[in-house]
mmCIF file of all heavy atoms, coordinates in Angstrom:
data_MODEL
# 
_entry.id   MODEL 
# 
loop_
_atom_site.group_PDB 
_atom_site.id 
_atom_site.type_symbol 
_atom_site.label_atom_id 
_atom_site.label_alt_id 
_atom_site.label_comp_id 
_atom_site.label_asym_id 
_atom_site.label_entity_id 
_atom_site.label_seq_id 
_atom_site.pdbx_PDB_ins_code 
_atom_site.Cartn_x 
_atom_site.Cartn_y 
_atom_site.Cartn_z 
_atom_site.occupancy 
_atom_site.B_iso_or_equiv 
_atom_site.pdbx_formal_charge 
_atom_site.auth_seq_id 
_atom_site.auth_comp_id 
_atom_site.auth_asym_id 
_atom_site.auth_atom_id 
_atom_site.pdbx_PDB_model_num 
ATOM 1   N N   . VAL A 1 1  ? 95.783  97.115  103.802 1.00 0.00 ? 1  VAL A N   1 
ATOM 2   C CA  . VAL A 1 1  ? 95.409  97.389  102.404 1.00 0.00 ? 1  VAL A CA  1 
ATOM 3   C C   . VAL A 1 1  ? 95.173  98.882  102.177 1.00 0.00 ? 1  VAL A C   1 
ATOM 4   O O   . VAL A 1 1  ? 95.634  99.452  101.224 1.00 0.00 ? 1  VAL A O   1 
ATOM 5   C CB  . VAL A 1 1  ? 94.233  96.546  101.940 1.00 0.00 ? 1  VAL A CB  1 
ATOM 6   C CG1 . VAL A 1 1  ? 93.746  96.950  100.552 1.00 0.00 ? 1  VAL A CG1 1 
ATOM 7   C CG2 . VAL A 1 1  ? 94.544  95.080  101.965 1.00 0.00 ? 1  VAL A CG2 1 
ATOM 8   N N   . ALA A 1 2  ? 94.448  99.506  103.093 1.00 0.00 ? 2  ALA A N   1 
ATOM 9   C CA  . ALA A 1 2  ? 94.134  100.914 102.979 1.00 0.00 ? 2  ALA A CA  1 
ATOM 10  C C   . ALA A 1 2  ? 95.397  101.804 102.983 1.00 0.00 ? 2  ALA A C   1 
ATOM 11  O O   . ALA A 1 2  ? 95.468  102.781 102.259 1.00 0.00 ? 2  ALA A O   1 
ATOM 12  C CB  . ALA A 1 2  ? 93.224  101.339 104.127 1.00 0.00 ? 2  ALA A CB  1 
ATOM 13  N N   . GLU A 1 3  ? 96.390  101.423 103.762 1.00 0.00 ? 3  GLU A N   1 
ATOM 14  C CA  . GLU A 1 3  ? 97.627  102.233 103.769 1.00 0.00 ? 3  GLU A CA  1 
ATOM 15  C C   . GLU A 1 3  ? 98.341  102.288 102.440 1.00 0.00 ? 3  GLU A C   1 
ATOM 16  O O   . GLU A 1 3  ? 98.864  103.323 102.085 1.00 0.00 ? 3  GLU A O   1 
ATOM 17  C CB  . GLU A 1 3  ? 98.583  101.683 104.859 1.00 0.00 ? 3  GLU A CB  1 
ATOM 18  C CG  . GLU A 1 3  ? 98.113  101.962 106.243 1.00 0.00 ? 3  GLU A CG  1 
ATOM 19  C CD  . GLU A 1 3  ? 98.970  101.329 107.285 1.00 0.00 ? 3  GLU A CD  1 
ATOM 20  O OE1 . GLU A 1 3  ? 99.800  100.414 106.984 1.00 0.00 ? 3  GLU A OE1 1 
ATOM 21  O OE2 . GLU A 1 3  ? 98.821  101.725 108.491 1.00 0.00 ? 3  GLU A OE2 1 
ATOM 22  N N   . GLY A 1 4  ? 98.336  101.205 101.731 1.00 0.00 ? 4  GLY A N   1 
ATOM 23  C CA  . GLY A 1 4  ? 99.086  101.202 100.440 1.00 0.00 ? 4  GLY A CA  1 
ATOM 24  C C   . GLY A 1 4  ? 98.213  100.978 99.191  1.00 0.00 ? 4  GLY A C   1 
ATOM 25  O O   . GLY A 1 4  ? 98.665  100.990 98.102  1.00 0.00 ? 4  GLY A O   1 
ATOM 26  N N   . GLU A 1 5  ? 96.903  100.750 99.448  1.00 0.00 ? 5  GLU A N   1 
ATOM 27  C CA  . GLU A 1 5  ? 95.964  100.462 98.359  1.00 0.00 ? 5  GLU A CA  1 
ATOM 28  C C   . GLU A 1 5  ? 96.523  99.378  97.479  1.00 0.00 ? 5  GLU A C   1 
ATOM 29  O O   . GLU A 1 5  ? 96.456  99.444  96.240  1.00 0.00 ? 5  GLU A O   1 
ATOM 30  C CB  . GLU A 1 5  ? 95.594  101.720 97.586  1.00 0.00 ? 5  GLU A CB  1 
ATOM 31  C CG  . GLU A 1 5  ? 94.797  102.717 98.443  1.00 0.00 ? 5  GLU A CG  1 
ATOM 32  C CD  . GLU A 1 5  ? 94.155  103.810 97.655  1.00 0.00 ? 5  GLU A CD  1 
ATOM 33  O OE1 . GLU A 1 5  ? 94.354  103.919 96.459  1.00 0.00 ? 5  GLU A OE1 1 
ATOM 34  O OE2 . GLU A 1 5  ? 93.446  104.658 98.289  1.00 0.00 ? 5  GLU A OE2 1 
ATOM 35  N N   . HIS A 1 6  ? 97.082  98.319  98.096  1.00 0.00 ? 6  HIS A N   1 
ATOM 36  C CA  . HIS A 1 6  ? 97.629  97.223  97.363  1.00 0.00 ? 6  HIS A CA  1 
ATOM 37  C C   . HIS A 1 6  ? 97.537  95.932  98.194  1.00 0.00 ? 6  HIS A C   1 
ATOM 38  O O   . HIS A 1 6  ? 98.154  95.882  99.269  1.00 0.00 ? 6  HIS A O   1 
ATOM 39  C CB  . HIS A 1 6  ? 99.035  97.487  96.997  1.00 0.00 ? 6  HIS A CB  1 
ATOM 40  C CG  . HIS A 1 6  ? 99.572  96.741  95.812  1.00 0.00 ? 6  HIS A CG  1 
ATOM 41  N ND1 . HIS A 1 6  ? 100.001 95.433  95.925  1.00 0.00 ? 6  HIS A ND1 1 
ATOM 42  C CD2 . HIS A 1 6  ? 99.661  97.084  94.495  1.00 0.00 ? 6  HIS A CD2 1 
ATOM 43  C CE1 . HIS A 1 6  ? 100.360 95.026  94.699  1.00 0.00 ? 6  HIS A CE1 1 
ATOM 44  N NE2 . HIS A 1 6  ? 100.149 95.985  93.821  1.00 0.00 ? 6  HIS A NE2 1 
ATOM 45  N N   . ILE A 1 7  ? 96.821  94.953  97.705  1.00 0.00 ? 7  ILE A N   1 
ATOM 46  C CA  . ILE A 1 7  ? 96.616  93.731  98.512  1.00 0.00 ? 7  ILE A CA  1 
ATOM 47  C C   . ILE A 1 7  ? 97.882  92.907  98.625  1.00 0.00 ? 7  ILE A C   1 
ATOM 48  O O   . ILE A 1 7  ? 98.193  92.404  99.701  1.00 0.00 ? 7  ILE A O   1 
ATOM 49  C CB  . ILE A 1 7  ? 95.483  92.867  97.919  1.00 0.00 ? 7  ILE A CB  1 
ATOM 50  C CG1 . ILE A 1 7  ? 94.133  93.656  98.087  1.00 0.00 ? 7  ILE A CG1 1 
ATOM 51  C CG2 . ILE A 1 7  ? 95.431  91.527  98.534  1.00 0.00 ? 7  ILE A CG2 1 
ATOM 52  C CD1 . ILE A 1 7  ? 92.940  92.977  97.488  1.00 0.00 ? 7  ILE A CD1 1 
ATOM 53  N N   . THR A 1 8  ? 98.651  92.755  97.561  1.00 0.00 ? 8  THR A N   1 
ATOM 54  C CA  . THR A 1 8  ? 99.864  91.938  97.638  1.00 0.00 ? 8  THR A CA  1 
ATOM 55  C C   . THR A 1 8  ? 100.852 92.510  98.622  1.00 0.00 ? 8  THR A C   1 
ATOM 56  O O   . THR A 1 8  ? 101.493 91.783  99.398  1.00 0.00 ? 8  THR A O   1 
ATOM 57  C CB  . THR A 1 8  ? 100.498 91.786  96.236  1.00 0.00 ? 8  THR A CB  1 
ATOM 58  O OG1 . THR A 1 8  ? 99.509  91.245  95.356  1.00 0.00 ? 8  THR A OG1 1 
ATOM 59  C CG2 . THR A 1 8  ? 101.692 90.896  96.246  1.00 0.00 ? 8  THR A CG2 1 
ATOM 60  N N   . LYS A 1 9  ? 101.062 93.816  98.560  1.00 0.00 ? 9  LYS A N   1 
ATOM 61  C CA  . LYS A 1 9  ? 101.982 94.445  99.530  1.00 0.00 ? 9  LYS A CA  1 
ATOM 62  C C   . LYS A 1 9  ? 101.483 94.299  100.954 1.00 0.00 ? 9  LYS A C   1 
ATOM 63  O O   . LYS A 1 9  ? 102.267 94.077  101.903 1.00 0.00 ? 9  LYS A O   1 
ATOM 64  C CB  . LYS A 1 9  ? 102.237 95.896  99.183  1.00 0.00 ? 9  LYS A CB  1 
ATOM 65  C CG  . LYS A 1 9  ? 103.000 96.049  97.889  1.00 0.00 ? 9  LYS A CG  1 
ATOM 66  C CD  . LYS A 1 9  ? 103.148 97.544  97.495  1.00 0.00 ? 9  LYS A CD  1 
ATOM 67  C CE  . LYS A 1 9  ? 103.838 97.653  96.156  1.00 0.00 ? 9  LYS A CE  1 
ATOM 68  N NZ  . LYS A 1 9  ? 103.944 99.063  95.728  1.00 0.00 ? 9  LYS A NZ  1 
ATOM 69  N N   . ALA A 1 10 ? 100.196 94.453  101.124 1.00 0.00 ? 10 ALA A N   1 
ATOM 70  C CA  . ALA A 1 10 ? 99.616  94.317  102.482 1.00 0.00 ? 10 ALA A CA  1 
ATOM 71  C C   . ALA A 1 10 ? 99.831  92.877  102.985 1.00 0.00 ? 10 ALA A C   1 
ATOM 72  O O   . ALA A 1 10 ? 100.187 92.697  104.105 1.00 0.00 ? 10 ALA A O   1 
ATOM 73  C CB  . ALA A 1 10 ? 98.129  94.642  102.467 1.00 0.00 ? 10 ALA A CB  1 
ATOM 74  N N   . ALA A 1 11 ? 99.599  91.898  102.088 1.00 0.00 ? 11 ALA A N   1 
ATOM 75  C CA  . ALA A 1 11 ? 99.771  90.519  102.485 1.00 0.00 ? 11 ALA A CA  1 
ATOM 76  C C   . ALA A 1 11 ? 101.218 90.243  102.905 1.00 0.00 ? 11 ALA A C   1 
ATOM 77  O O   . ALA A 1 11 ? 101.450 89.580  103.935 1.00 0.00 ? 11 ALA A O   1 
ATOM 78  C CB  . ALA A 1 11 ? 99.380  89.606  101.323 1.00 0.00 ? 11 ALA A CB  1 
ATOM 79  N N   . ALA A 1 12 ? 102.162 90.762  102.134 1.00 0.00 ? 12 ALA A N   1 
ATOM 80  C CA  . ALA A 1 12 ? 103.578 90.546  102.486 1.00 0.00 ? 12 ALA A CA  1 
ATOM 81  C C   . ALA A 1 12 ? 103.893 91.211  103.869 1.00 0.00 ? 12 ALA A C   1 
ATOM 82  O O   . ALA A 1 12 ? 104.573 90.575  104.661 1.00 0.00 ? 12 ALA A O   1 
ATOM 83  C CB  . ALA A 1 12 ? 104.452 91.143  101.424 1.00 0.00 ? 12 ALA A CB  1 
ATOM 84  N N   . SER A 1 13 ? 103.368 92.376  104.141 1.00 0.00 ? 13 SER A N   1 
ATOM 85  C CA  . SER A 1 13 ? 103.623 93.047  105.422 1.00 0.00 ? 13 SER A CA  1 
ATOM 86  C C   . SER A 1 13 ? 103.015 92.337  106.604 1.00 0.00 ? 13 SER A C   1 
ATOM 87  O O   . SER A 1 13 ? 103.502 92.422  107.712 1.00 0.00 ? 13 SER A O   1 
ATOM 88  C CB  . SER A 1 13 ? 103.151 94.503  105.351 1.00 0.00 ? 13 SER A CB  1 
ATOM 89  O OG  . SER A 1 13 ? 101.747 94.582  105.454 1.00 0.00 ? 13 SER A OG  1 
ATOM 90  N N   . LEU A 1 14 ? 101.904 91.579  106.314 1.00 0.00 ? 14 LEU A N   1 
ATOM 91  C CA  . LEU A 1 14 ? 101.223 90.826  107.373 1.00 0.00 ? 14 LEU A CA  1 
ATOM 92  C C   . LEU A 1 14 ? 101.677 89.370  107.459 1.00 0.00 ? 14 LEU A C   1 
ATOM 93  O O   . LEU A 1 14 ? 101.184 88.619  108.303 1.00 0.00 ? 14 LEU A O   1 
ATOM 94  C CB  . LEU A 1 14 ? 99.705  90.902  107.136 1.00 0.00 ? 14 LEU A CB  1 
ATOM 95  C CG  . LEU A 1 14 ? 99.078  92.243  107.183 1.00 0.00 ? 14 LEU A CG  1 
ATOM 96  C CD1 . LEU A 1 14 ? 97.645  92.170  106.687 1.00 0.00 ? 14 LEU A CD1 1 
ATOM 97  C CD2 . LEU A 1 14 ? 99.099  92.768  108.595 1.00 0.00 ? 14 LEU A CD2 1 
ATOM 98  N N   . PHE A 1 15 ? 102.574 88.963  106.537 1.00 0.00 ? 15 PHE A N   1 
ATOM 99  C CA  . PHE A 1 15 ? 103.004 87.602  106.483 1.00 0.00 ? 15 PHE A CA  1 
ATOM 100 C C   . PHE A 1 15 ? 101.868 86.651  106.192 1.00 0.00 ? 15 PHE A C   1 
ATOM 101 O O   . PHE A 1 15 ? 101.785 85.570  106.840 1.00 0.00 ? 15 PHE A O   1 
ATOM 102 C CB  . PHE A 1 15 ? 103.811 87.170  107.717 1.00 0.00 ? 15 PHE A CB  1 
ATOM 103 C CG  . PHE A 1 15 ? 105.020 88.052  107.993 1.00 0.00 ? 15 PHE A CG  1 
ATOM 104 C CD1 . PHE A 1 15 ? 104.980 89.054  108.918 1.00 0.00 ? 15 PHE A CD1 1 
ATOM 105 C CD2 . PHE A 1 15 ? 106.174 87.893  107.233 1.00 0.00 ? 15 PHE A CD2 1 
ATOM 106 C CE1 . PHE A 1 15 ? 106.057 89.859  109.161 1.00 0.00 ? 15 PHE A CE1 1 
ATOM 107 C CE2 . PHE A 1 15 ? 107.281 88.700  107.441 1.00 0.00 ? 15 PHE A CE2 1 
ATOM 108 C CZ  . PHE A 1 15 ? 107.229 89.706  108.401 1.00 0.00 ? 15 PHE A CZ  1 
ATOM 109 N N   . LEU A 1 16 ? 100.946 87.058  105.297 1.00 0.00 ? 16 LEU A N   1 
ATOM 110 C CA  . LEU A 1 16 ? 99.822  86.253  104.874 1.00 0.00 ? 16 LEU A CA  1 
ATOM 111 C C   . LEU A 1 16 ? 99.860  86.115  103.362 1.00 0.00 ? 16 LEU A C   1 
ATOM 112 O O   . LEU A 1 16 ? 100.604 86.809  102.673 1.00 0.00 ? 16 LEU A O   1 
ATOM 113 C CB  . LEU A 1 16 ? 98.510  86.930  105.275 1.00 0.00 ? 16 LEU A CB  1 
ATOM 114 C CG  . LEU A 1 16 ? 98.248  87.124  106.760 1.00 0.00 ? 16 LEU A CG  1 
ATOM 115 C CD1 . LEU A 1 16 ? 97.039  88.012  106.972 1.00 0.00 ? 16 LEU A CD1 1 
ATOM 116 C CD2 . LEU A 1 16 ? 98.050  85.735  107.457 1.00 0.00 ? 16 LEU A CD2 1 
ATOM 117 N N   . THR A 1 17 ? 99.077  85.202  102.844 1.00 0.00 ? 17 THR A N   1 
ATOM 118 C CA  . THR A 1 17 ? 98.966  85.084  101.394 1.00 0.00 ? 17 THR A CA  1 
ATOM 119 C C   . THR A 1 17 ? 98.000  86.190  100.893 1.00 0.00 ? 17 THR A C   1 
ATOM 120 O O   . THR A 1 17 ? 97.130  86.733  101.643 1.00 0.00 ? 17 THR A O   1 
ATOM 121 C CB  . THR A 1 17 ? 98.442  83.742  100.970 1.00 0.00 ? 17 THR A CB  1 
ATOM 122 O OG1 . THR A 1 17 ? 97.087  83.561  101.454 1.00 0.00 ? 17 THR A OG1 1 
ATOM 123 C CG2 . THR A 1 17 ? 99.316  82.616  101.486 1.00 0.00 ? 17 THR A CG2 1 
ATOM 124 N N   . GLN A 1 18 ? 98.099  86.426  99.604  1.00 0.00 ? 18 GLN A N   1 
ATOM 125 C CA  . GLN A 1 18 ? 97.217  87.418  98.965  1.00 0.00 ? 18 GLN A CA  1 
ATOM 126 C C   . GLN A 1 18 ? 95.739  86.942  99.124  1.00 0.00 ? 18 GLN A C   1 
ATOM 127 O O   . GLN A 1 18 ? 94.858  87.682  99.381  1.00 0.00 ? 18 GLN A O   1 
ATOM 128 C CB  . GLN A 1 18 ? 97.568  87.592  97.521  1.00 0.00 ? 18 GLN A CB  1 
ATOM 129 C CG  . GLN A 1 18 ? 96.715  88.583  96.739  1.00 0.00 ? 18 GLN A CG  1 
ATOM 130 C CD  . GLN A 1 18 ? 97.100  88.692  95.288  1.00 0.00 ? 18 GLN A CD  1 
ATOM 131 O OE1 . GLN A 1 18 ? 98.150  88.236  94.893  1.00 0.00 ? 18 GLN A OE1 1 
ATOM 132 N NE2 . GLN A 1 18 ? 96.250  89.322  94.536  1.00 0.00 ? 18 GLN A NE2 1 
ATOM 133 N N   . GLY A 1 19 ? 95.551  85.616  98.938  1.00 0.00 ? 19 GLY A N   1 
ATOM 134 C CA  . GLY A 1 19 ? 94.195  85.039  99.022  1.00 0.00 ? 19 GLY A CA  1 
ATOM 135 C C   . GLY A 1 19 ? 93.606  85.222  100.438 1.00 0.00 ? 19 GLY A C   1 
ATOM 136 O O   . GLY A 1 19 ? 92.440  85.454  100.598 1.00 0.00 ? 19 GLY A O   1 
ATOM 137 N N   . ALA A 1 20 ? 94.468  85.063  101.446 1.00 0.00 ? 20 ALA A N   1 
ATOM 138 C CA  . ALA A 1 20 ? 93.997  85.212  102.837 1.00 0.00 ? 20 ALA A CA  1 
ATOM 139 C C   . ALA A 1 20 ? 93.562  86.656  103.107 1.00 0.00 ? 20 ALA A C   1 
ATOM 140 O O   . ALA A 1 20 ? 92.514  86.886  103.729 1.00 0.00 ? 20 ALA A O   1 
ATOM 141 C CB  . ALA A 1 20 ? 95.122  84.825  103.811 1.00 0.00 ? 20 ALA A CB  1 
ATOM 142 N N   . VAL A 1 21 ? 94.312  87.630  102.622 1.00 0.00 ? 21 VAL A N   1 
ATOM 143 C CA  . VAL A 1 21 ? 93.950  89.023  102.838 1.00 0.00 ? 21 VAL A CA  1 
ATOM 144 C C   . VAL A 1 21 ? 92.703  89.373  102.064 1.00 0.00 ? 21 VAL A C   1 
ATOM 145 O O   . VAL A 1 21 ? 91.821  90.044  102.567 1.00 0.00 ? 21 VAL A O   1 
ATOM 146 C CB  . VAL A 1 21 ? 95.092  89.947  102.432 1.00 0.00 ? 21 VAL A CB  1 
ATOM 147 C CG1 . VAL A 1 21 ? 94.673  91.382  102.410 1.00 0.00 ? 21 VAL A CG1 1 
ATOM 148 C CG2 . VAL A 1 21 ? 96.296  89.725  103.387 1.00 0.00 ? 21 VAL A CG2 1 
ATOM 149 N N   . THR A 1 22 ? 92.573  88.848  100.836 1.00 0.00 ? 22 THR A N   1 
ATOM 150 C CA  . THR A 1 22 ? 91.356  89.079  100.028 1.00 0.00 ? 22 THR A CA  1 
ATOM 151 C C   . THR A 1 22 ? 90.160  88.530  100.762 1.00 0.00 ? 22 THR A C   1 
ATOM 152 O O   . THR A 1 22 ? 89.088  89.221  100.826 1.00 0.00 ? 22 THR A O   1 
ATOM 153 C CB  . THR A 1 22 ? 91.535  88.434  98.672  1.00 0.00 ? 22 THR A CB  1 
ATOM 154 O OG1 . THR A 1 22 ? 92.641  89.015  97.960  1.00 0.00 ? 22 THR A OG1 1 
ATOM 155 C CG2 . THR A 1 22 ? 90.300  88.586  97.825  1.00 0.00 ? 22 THR A CG2 1 
ATOM 156 N N   . GLN A 1 23 ? 90.251  87.349  101.339 1.00 0.00 ? 23 GLN A N   1 
ATOM 157 C CA  . GLN A 1 23 ? 89.146  86.753  102.073 1.00 0.00 ? 23 GLN A CA  1 
ATOM 158 C C   . GLN A 1 23 ? 88.788  87.565  103.324 1.00 0.00 ? 23 GLN A C   1 
ATOM 159 O O   . GLN A 1 23 ? 87.630  87.779  103.639 1.00 0.00 ? 23 GLN A O   1 
ATOM 160 C CB  . GLN A 1 23 ? 89.460  85.305  102.478 1.00 0.00 ? 23 GLN A CB  1 
ATOM 161 C CG  . GLN A 1 23 ? 89.298  84.313  101.381 1.00 0.00 ? 23 GLN A CG  1 
ATOM 162 C CD  . GLN A 1 23 ? 87.839  84.174  100.878 1.00 0.00 ? 23 GLN A CD  1 
ATOM 163 O OE1 . GLN A 1 23 ? 86.882  84.689  101.496 1.00 0.00 ? 23 GLN A OE1 1 
ATOM 164 N NE2 . GLN A 1 23 ? 87.642  83.466  99.815  1.00 0.00 ? 23 GLN A NE2 1 
ATOM 165 N N   . GLN A 1 24 ? 89.864  88.025  104.034 1.00 0.00 ? 24 GLN A N   1 
ATOM 166 C CA  . GLN A 1 24 ? 89.615  88.848  105.241 1.00 0.00 ? 24 GLN A CA  1 
ATOM 167 C C   . GLN A 1 24 ? 88.830  90.060  104.873 1.00 0.00 ? 24 GLN A C   1 
ATOM 168 O O   . GLN A 1 24 ? 87.884  90.421  105.573 1.00 0.00 ? 24 GLN A O   1 
ATOM 169 C CB  . GLN A 1 24 ? 90.974  89.272  105.856 1.00 0.00 ? 24 GLN A CB  1 
ATOM 170 C CG  . GLN A 1 24 ? 91.761  88.112  106.396 1.00 0.00 ? 24 GLN A CG  1 
ATOM 171 C CD  . GLN A 1 24 ? 91.359  87.672  107.795 1.00 0.00 ? 24 GLN A CD  1 
ATOM 172 O OE1 . GLN A 1 24 ? 90.452  88.221  108.414 1.00 0.00 ? 24 GLN A OE1 1 
ATOM 173 N NE2 . GLN A 1 24 ? 92.072  86.703  108.317 1.00 0.00 ? 24 GLN A NE2 1 
ATOM 174 N N   . ILE A 1 25 ? 89.241  90.769  103.805 1.00 0.00 ? 25 ILE A N   1 
ATOM 175 C CA  . ILE A 1 25 ? 88.530  91.940  103.365 1.00 0.00 ? 25 ILE A CA  1 
ATOM 176 C C   . ILE A 1 25 ? 87.145  91.666  102.923 1.00 0.00 ? 25 ILE A C   1 
ATOM 177 O O   . ILE A 1 25 ? 86.183  92.393  103.297 1.00 0.00 ? 25 ILE A O   1 
ATOM 178 C CB  . ILE A 1 25 ? 89.294  92.672  102.218 1.00 0.00 ? 25 ILE A CB  1 
ATOM 179 C CG1 . ILE A 1 25 ? 90.738  93.058  102.629 1.00 0.00 ? 25 ILE A CG1 1 
ATOM 180 C CG2 . ILE A 1 25 ? 88.515  93.838  101.666 1.00 0.00 ? 25 ILE A CG2 1 
ATOM 181 C CD1 . ILE A 1 25 ? 90.839  94.108  103.695 1.00 0.00 ? 25 ILE A CD1 1 
ATOM 182 N N   . LYS A 1 26 ? 86.929  90.601  102.209 1.00 0.00 ? 26 LYS A N   1 
ATOM 183 C CA  . LYS A 1 26 ? 85.583  90.224  101.741 1.00 0.00 ? 26 LYS A CA  1 
ATOM 184 C C   . LYS A 1 26 ? 84.643  89.998  102.928 1.00 0.00 ? 26 LYS A C   1 
ATOM 185 O O   . LYS A 1 26 ? 83.527  90.501  102.952 1.00 0.00 ? 26 LYS A O   1 
ATOM 186 C CB  . LYS A 1 26 ? 85.661  88.957  100.875 1.00 0.00 ? 26 LYS A CB  1 
ATOM 187 C CG  . LYS A 1 26 ? 84.341  88.447  100.426 1.00 0.00 ? 26 LYS A CG  1 
ATOM 188 C CD  . LYS A 1 26 ? 84.475  87.139  99.629  1.00 0.00 ? 26 LYS A CD  1 
ATOM 189 C CE  . LYS A 1 26 ? 83.108  86.597  99.307  1.00 0.00 ? 26 LYS A CE  1 
ATOM 190 N NZ  . LYS A 1 26 ? 83.129  85.197  99.092  1.00 0.00 ? 26 LYS A NZ  1 
ATOM 191 N N   . HIS A 1 27 ? 85.135  89.225  103.894 1.00 0.00 ? 27 HIS A N   1 
ATOM 192 C CA  . HIS A 1 27 ? 84.316  88.961  105.118 1.00 0.00 ? 27 HIS A CA  1 
ATOM 193 C C   . HIS A 1 27 ? 84.063  90.205  105.956 1.00 0.00 ? 27 HIS A C   1 
ATOM 194 O O   . HIS A 1 27 ? 82.968  90.371  106.495 1.00 0.00 ? 27 HIS A O   1 
ATOM 195 C CB  . HIS A 1 27 ? 84.949  87.845  105.940 1.00 0.00 ? 27 HIS A CB  1 
ATOM 196 C CG  . HIS A 1 27 ? 84.915  86.520  105.294 1.00 0.00 ? 27 HIS A CG  1 
ATOM 197 N ND1 . HIS A 1 27 ? 83.805  85.723  105.216 1.00 0.00 ? 27 HIS A ND1 1 
ATOM 198 C CD2 . HIS A 1 27 ? 85.862  85.795  104.680 1.00 0.00 ? 27 HIS A CD2 1 
ATOM 199 C CE1 . HIS A 1 27 ? 84.083  84.631  104.566 1.00 0.00 ? 27 HIS A CE1 1 
ATOM 200 N NE2 . HIS A 1 27 ? 85.329  84.674  104.200 1.00 0.00 ? 27 HIS A NE2 1 
# 
């Protein structure tokens, strides 16, 4: 997320859902 300052793009690059990345960051 920090590299692109965009959760959706980060999720796609990690092969995760946007919700999963959001939860990871929150935790």
